[in-house]
């Protein structure tokens, strides 16, 4: 990847993350799904201008209790810098940042992230957990799971 493309993609990721996180906190409350869905981020039920793109952009979240991991998977091709998943981010029930995984074309053949449930931030966690999948062309997609 040339320097210009790297800077452009990095800037897009920072702006998307900043906008999403700014929108998550409205007076310290949980995410305002109705207001934000289809605007700052997209969901299965609110794909906005990206209707029909849900299958390849919506992150799927699974809990692997045996290995104490959160697994986030986005079913998206990872073959070219022209169109790929840039990163996965996980947020807690208050939309606070927990962790992220940034992908590299040529190194990561699939958009799959594993996050350990043994880290200080996730040990004993319960409640809603949000996962974001950031595509360089089709914006930020959000899904959620409840951990009990």
Foldseek 3Di string as FASTA:
>chain_A
DDPVLVVVLVVQVVVLLVVVLVQQQDPQAGHPCVVPDLPSAHEPVRLNPNPPCHQQFAWDWDADVVQQKIKTFGNHFQADSVKDWQKKWKAARSRHTDDMDGDDRVPDGGHMDIDHCPDPVNPVDFAKMKMWTQMSVRGIYIDIDTHD
